[in-house]
Amino acid sequence: MHPVEVLKELHLDPLEMGAIPFARCLGVHRTRIARLIMGMTGITPEAALRIARLFNTAPVYGVNLQTNYDMAMACKEIDAPNIERCLPHSCS
């Protein structure tokens, strides 16, 4: 699940807050929020700080949402089982 879907479900929907008021509350341009909502960009540390302040959460909450999402996407894209473990002197 994209981090914005979590934010939307847990924070924005209960407040009936759309993208434009969300952007206004965060003090950022609405296109930045639009790109985030469309999944074109992720939650940056700066955005995580702003979101944490707005919703009274820890900044690490937003960063962790993004990191977990990024890791899930990487696991789908990278064929890690085909990478052999590096034993002493085997990678030289």
Protein backbone atom coordinates (compact mmCIF):
# COMPACT_ATOMS: atom_id res chain seq x y z
CA MET A 1 0.00 0.00 0.00
CA HIS A 2 1.38 3.39 -0.99
CA PRO A 3 2.10 5.62 2.03
CA VAL A 4 -0.40 8.21 0.84
CA GLU A 5 -3.16 5.58 0.87
CA VAL A 6 -2.40 5.04 4.56
CA LEU A 7 -2.41 8.79 5.26
CA LYS A 8 -5.62 9.19 3.30
CA GLU A 9 -7.42 6.36 5.07
CA LEU A 10 -6.22 7.17 8.58
CA HIS A 11 -6.03 10.95 8.53
CA LEU A 12 -7.45 12.74 5.50
CA ASP A 13 -10.71 10.82 5.00
CA PRO A 14 -11.83 11.07 8.65
CA LEU A 15 -11.27 14.83 8.48
CA GLU A 16 -12.86 15.03 5.02
CA MET A 17 -9.71 16.86 3.92
CA GLY A 18 -8.89 17.00 0.23
CA ALA A 19 -5.57 17.61 -1.47
CA ILE A 20 -5.80 21.40 -1.63
CA PRO A 21 -6.61 21.95 2.06
CA PHE A 22 -3.96 19.34 2.92
CA ALA A 23 -1.37 21.25 0.91
CA ARG A 24 -2.46 24.51 2.50
CA CYS A 25 -2.17 23.06 6.02
CA LEU A 26 1.29 21.67 5.24
CA GLY A 27 2.41 24.96 3.73
CA VAL A 28 3.37 23.44 0.37
CA HIS A 29 2.21 23.97 -3.20
CA ARG A 30 -0.79 21.88 -4.24
CA THR A 31 1.10 20.33 -7.16
CA ARG A 32 3.52 18.80 -4.66
CA ILE A 33 0.62 17.09 -2.89
CA ALA A 34 -0.96 16.09 -6.20
CA ARG A 35 2.31 14.37 -7.22
CA LEU A 36 2.44 12.62 -3.86
CA ILE A 37 -1.18 11.46 -4.09
CA MET A 38 -0.62 10.15 -7.63
CA GLY A 39 2.38 8.17 -6.41
CA MET A 40 4.79 10.17 -8.55
CA THR A 41 6.85 11.11 -5.52
CA GLY A 42 7.31 9.75 -2.04
CA ILE A 43 7.21 11.12 1.48
CA THR A 44 10.46 13.01 1.96
CA PRO A 45 11.93 13.70 5.42
CA GLU A 46 10.73 17.30 5.06
CA ALA A 47 7.20 16.15 4.20
CA ALA A 48 7.32 13.67 7.09
CA LEU A 49 8.13 16.53 9.48
CA ARG A 50 5.25 18.61 8.17
CA ILE A 51 2.80 15.69 8.27
CA ALA A 52 3.90 14.78 11.80
CA ARG A 53 3.26 18.33 12.98
CA LEU A 54 -0.14 18.47 11.31
CA PHE A 55 -1.41 15.11 12.59
CA ASN A 56 0.49 15.00 15.88
CA THR A 57 2.51 11.92 14.96
CA ALA A 58 6.23 11.17 15.04
CA PRO A 59 8.20 12.23 11.93
CA VAL A 60 9.58 8.72 11.68
CA TYR A 61 6.00 7.52 11.02
CA GLY A 62 5.93 9.03 7.52
CA VAL A 63 9.52 8.07 6.78
CA ASN A 64 8.82 4.47 7.85
CA LEU A 65 5.70 4.31 5.69
CA GLN A 66 7.79 5.40 2.71
CA THR A 67 10.74 3.10 3.51
CA ASN A 68 8.48 0.06 3.92
CA TYR A 69 6.77 0.84 0.62
CA ASP A 70 10.09 1.34 -1.17
CA MET A 71 11.40 -1.96 0.22
CA ALA A 72 8.28 -3.83 -0.91
CA MET A 73 8.68 -2.38 -4.42
CA ALA A 74 12.38 -3.26 -4.49
CA CYS A 75 11.61 -6.84 -3.46
CA LYS A 76 9.31 -7.13 -6.46
CA GLU A 77 11.92 -5.73 -8.85
CA ILE A 78 15.19 -7.26 -7.67
CA ASP A 79 15.93 -10.94 -8.12
CA ALA A 80 17.85 -11.24 -4.83
CA PRO A 81 17.73 -15.09 -4.64
CA ASN A 82 20.05 -15.20 -7.66
CA ILE A 83 22.71 -13.20 -5.82
CA GLU A 84 25.21 -15.55 -4.29
CA ARG A 85 26.31 -14.95 -0.72
CA CYS A 86 29.77 -13.50 -0.44
CA LEU A 87 32.02 -15.84 1.48
CA PRO A 88 35.54 -14.84 2.59
CA HIS A 89 37.68 -14.33 -0.51
CA SER A 90 34.89 -15.38 -2.91
CA CYS A 91 34.04 -11.86 -4.13
CA SER A 92 37.59 -10.83 -5.03
